[in-house]
Amino acid sequence: MINTNVRAIKIHDNGLYKISVDRSLCTHCGRQQSCEAFKANNRMNKKYSVVSLVKECAEYTYPIVFQDEQGTEGKFNTIRLGEAWSKRLKAGDRVALVNKTGETFGFATVIVLQNGDKNEILQNHAYKNHLYLNKKMSKEEAGKHLIKRLPSIYGNLIASNNDKATVIYLES
């Protein structure tokens, strides 16, 4: 299971991702299922009852959690409250698509990121969101619907206290 709390992970100038807390970077990585280093580390930990922490890695892959896998094939977007994702990712990055239980169900490449006013982002981009791609909604209807849905996704406090949002366009 992937720990999707990625606030302590940063990429440094040398191209290595580093974690700033006392946990292994691997526990937060979307590549766990295919990473030979992760598998070898787990075997060593089990065989010798040791805990080794990977603190930096060039192959780290950010996990992005989706409440619903619907619409995550081909080109789509996801909208995240706040600015954090606009600082973590850049066009060309590969991310892991992760379900609510912390399991990777696919990978995608970041095409474009845009950060700005929450309502403007929602109004202008909700119709291309993975949840709305197959719905027969206008751009305006999708924006209004997603604005109303935010409290059920994030909770009232988080939804009302964030005035910024980041739209991440992806291609799987």
Protein backbone atom coordinates (compact mmCIF):
# COMPACT_ATOMS: atom_id res chain seq x y z
CA MET A 1 0.00 0.00 0.00
CA ILE A 2 1.32 3.42 -0.96
CA ASN A 3 1.41 6.23 1.59
CA THR A 4 0.08 9.16 -0.44
CA ASN A 5 1.12 11.87 2.02
CA VAL A 6 3.90 13.36 -0.12
CA ARG A 7 4.39 16.74 1.59
CA ALA A 8 7.88 15.82 2.85
CA ILE A 9 9.18 14.85 -0.62
CA LYS A 10 11.07 17.30 -2.80
CA ILE A 11 13.18 17.08 -5.94
CA HIS A 12 16.61 18.63 -5.64
CA ASP A 13 18.87 20.28 -8.21
CA ASN A 14 20.82 17.05 -8.71
CA GLY A 15 17.63 15.28 -9.93
CA LEU A 16 17.20 13.17 -6.82
CA TYR A 17 13.94 13.05 -4.92
CA LYS A 18 14.51 13.28 -1.17
CA ILE A 19 12.30 12.75 1.85
CA SER A 20 12.79 15.01 4.88
CA VAL A 21 11.11 12.84 7.53
CA ASP A 22 12.16 9.58 9.17
CA ARG A 23 10.39 7.27 6.69
CA SER A 24 11.49 5.48 3.57
CA LEU A 25 10.87 7.30 0.31
CA CYS A 26 9.77 3.93 -1.09
CA THR A 27 6.64 3.87 1.07
CA HIS A 28 5.41 6.95 -0.83
CA CYS A 29 6.41 5.86 -4.34
CA GLY A 30 3.96 4.86 -7.06
CA ARG A 31 6.48 2.41 -8.57
CA GLN A 32 6.50 -0.05 -5.64
CA GLN A 33 5.03 -2.93 -7.66
CA SER A 34 7.71 -2.75 -10.37
CA CYS A 35 10.74 -1.45 -8.46
CA GLU A 36 13.54 -3.99 -7.99
CA ALA A 37 15.21 -1.89 -5.28
CA PHE A 38 11.94 -1.80 -3.29
CA LYS A 39 11.52 -5.56 -3.62
CA ALA A 40 15.15 -6.27 -2.63
CA ASN A 41 14.87 -3.92 0.34
CA ASN A 42 11.70 -5.70 1.51
CA ARG A 43 13.37 -9.13 1.20
CA MET A 44 16.34 -7.90 3.24
CA ASN A 45 14.08 -6.35 5.86
CA LYS A 46 12.12 -9.61 6.25
CA LYS A 47 15.14 -11.94 6.21
CA TYR A 48 17.30 -10.01 8.67
CA SER A 49 14.65 -8.13 10.67
CA VAL A 50 16.24 -4.82 9.84
CA VAL A 51 14.61 -1.62 8.76
CA SER A 52 16.43 0.31 6.09
CA LEU A 53 15.19 3.68 4.94
CA VAL A 54 15.66 4.87 1.39
CA LYS A 55 16.07 8.63 1.73
CA GLU A 56 16.69 9.60 -1.92
CA CYS A 57 16.00 8.18 -5.36
CA ALA A 58 16.13 9.36 -8.97
CA GLU A 59 13.29 6.99 -9.99
CA TYR A 60 10.71 8.19 -7.47
CA THR A 61 7.18 8.52 -8.92
CA TYR A 62 4.57 10.72 -7.25
CA PRO A 63 1.27 8.96 -6.55
CA ILE A 64 -1.95 10.85 -7.27
CA VAL A 65 -5.05 9.48 -5.56
CA PHE A 66 -8.31 9.14 -7.46
CA GLN A 67 -11.61 8.53 -5.71
CA ASP A 68 -12.87 6.95 -8.93
CA GLU A 69 -10.91 5.39 -11.80
CA GLN A 70 -13.56 6.52 -14.28
CA GLY A 71 -12.19 8.59 -17.15
CA THR A 72 -8.50 7.98 -16.40
CA GLU A 73 -7.68 6.50 -19.80
CA GLY A 74 -6.26 8.64 -22.60
CA LYS A 75 -6.21 12.41 -22.03
CA PHE A 76 -7.95 13.82 -18.96
CA ASN A 77 -7.40 16.19 -16.08
CA THR A 78 -7.58 16.15 -12.33
CA ILE A 79 -8.14 19.24 -10.23
CA ARG A 80 -6.48 19.57 -6.83
CA LEU A 81 -7.11 22.27 -4.25
CA GLY A 82 -4.20 24.54 -3.40
CA GLU A 83 -0.85 25.16 -5.07
CA ALA A 84 1.21 22.21 -3.83
CA TRP A 85 0.86 20.02 -6.92
CA SER A 86 1.88 22.89 -9.20
CA LYS A 87 5.18 23.02 -7.27
CA ARG A 88 5.74 19.23 -7.21
CA LEU A 89 5.19 18.41 -10.87
CA LYS A 90 6.18 19.70 -14.28
CA ALA A 91 5.18 18.78 -17.83
CA GLY A 92 6.76 15.48 -18.83
CA ASP A 93 6.75 13.96 -15.33
CA ARG A 94 5.36 10.44 -14.95
CA VAL A 95 2.89 9.91 -12.08
CA ALA A 96 1.19 6.85 -10.63
CA LEU A 97 -2.60 6.73 -10.62
CA VAL A 98 -3.59 5.35 -7.23
CA ASN A 99 -6.97 4.27 -5.85
CA LYS A 100 -8.37 5.06 -2.39
CA THR A 101 -6.80 1.91 -0.91
CA GLY A 102 -3.30 2.99 -1.98
CA GLU A 103 -2.89 0.61 -4.92
CA THR A 104 -1.51 1.74 -8.27
CA PHE A 105 -3.93 1.13 -11.15
CA GLY A 106 -1.99 2.93 -13.89
CA PHE A 107 0.52 5.56 -14.87
CA ALA A 108 0.21 8.84 -16.75
CA THR A 109 2.40 11.63 -18.06
CA VAL A 110 1.83 15.24 -17.05
CA ILE A 111 1.00 17.30 -20.14
CA VAL A 112 0.21 20.70 -18.61
CA LEU A 113 -0.27 22.18 -15.15
CA GLN A 114 -2.05 25.39 -14.32
CA ASN A 115 -2.56 27.01 -10.94
CA GLY A 116 -4.91 29.86 -10.17
CA ASP A 117 -8.15 31.01 -8.65
CA LYS A 118 -10.17 27.98 -7.56
CA ASN A 119 -13.44 29.06 -9.15
CA GLU A 120 -11.78 30.03 -12.44
CA ILE A 121 -9.91 26.71 -12.63
CA LEU A 122 -13.10 24.78 -11.91
CA GLN A 123 -15.22 26.75 -14.39
CA ASN A 124 -12.63 26.52 -17.18
CA HIS A 125 -11.39 22.94 -16.74
CA ALA A 126 -14.02 20.77 -14.99
CA TYR A 127 -15.56 19.64 -18.28
CA LYS A 128 -12.29 17.84 -19.14
CA ASN A 129 -11.95 16.35 -15.66
CA HIS A 130 -11.86 12.55 -15.57
CA LEU A 131 -15.24 12.51 -13.76
CA TYR A 132 -16.98 14.52 -16.49
CA LEU A 133 -15.43 13.30 -19.74
CA ASN A 134 -18.24 10.86 -20.54
CA LYS A 135 -21.07 13.00 -19.21
CA LYS A 136 -23.22 15.11 -21.46
CA MET A 137 -22.55 18.38 -19.60
CA SER A 138 -21.62 21.77 -20.92
CA LYS A 139 -18.44 23.49 -19.75
CA GLU A 140 -20.52 25.71 -17.46
CA GLU A 141 -22.61 22.83 -16.04
CA ALA A 142 -19.52 20.74 -15.26
CA GLY A 143 -17.86 23.68 -13.49
CA LYS A 144 -20.91 24.40 -11.35
CA HIS A 145 -21.37 20.71 -10.53
CA LEU A 146 -17.76 20.23 -9.44
CA ILE A 147 -17.86 23.41 -7.32
CA LYS A 148 -20.89 21.96 -5.48
CA ARG A 149 -19.16 18.58 -5.11
CA LEU A 150 -15.93 19.88 -3.55
CA PRO A 151 -17.15 19.74 0.09
CA SER A 152 -18.03 16.05 -0.29
CA ILE A 153 -14.59 15.34 -1.80
CA TYR A 154 -12.39 17.44 0.52
CA GLY A 155 -14.66 18.27 3.45
CA ASN A 156 -16.28 21.65 4.11
CA LEU A 157 -13.35 23.22 5.93
CA ILE A 158 -10.70 22.42 3.30
CA ALA A 159 -13.00 23.24 0.39
CA SER A 160 -13.98 26.62 1.81
CA ASN A 161 -10.50 27.61 3.06
CA ASN A 162 -8.71 27.13 -0.27
CA ASP A 163 -8.99 29.88 -2.84
CA LYS A 164 -6.46 28.33 -5.24
CA ALA A 165 -6.59 25.17 -7.32
CA THR A 166 -4.25 23.31 -9.65
CA VAL A 167 -5.43 21.55 -12.79
CA ILE A 168 -3.16 18.73 -13.97
CA TYR A 169 -3.66 17.50 -17.53
CA LEU A 170 -2.53 13.88 -17.90
CA GLU A 171 -2.24 11.27 -20.62
CA SER A 172 -2.20 7.58 -19.78
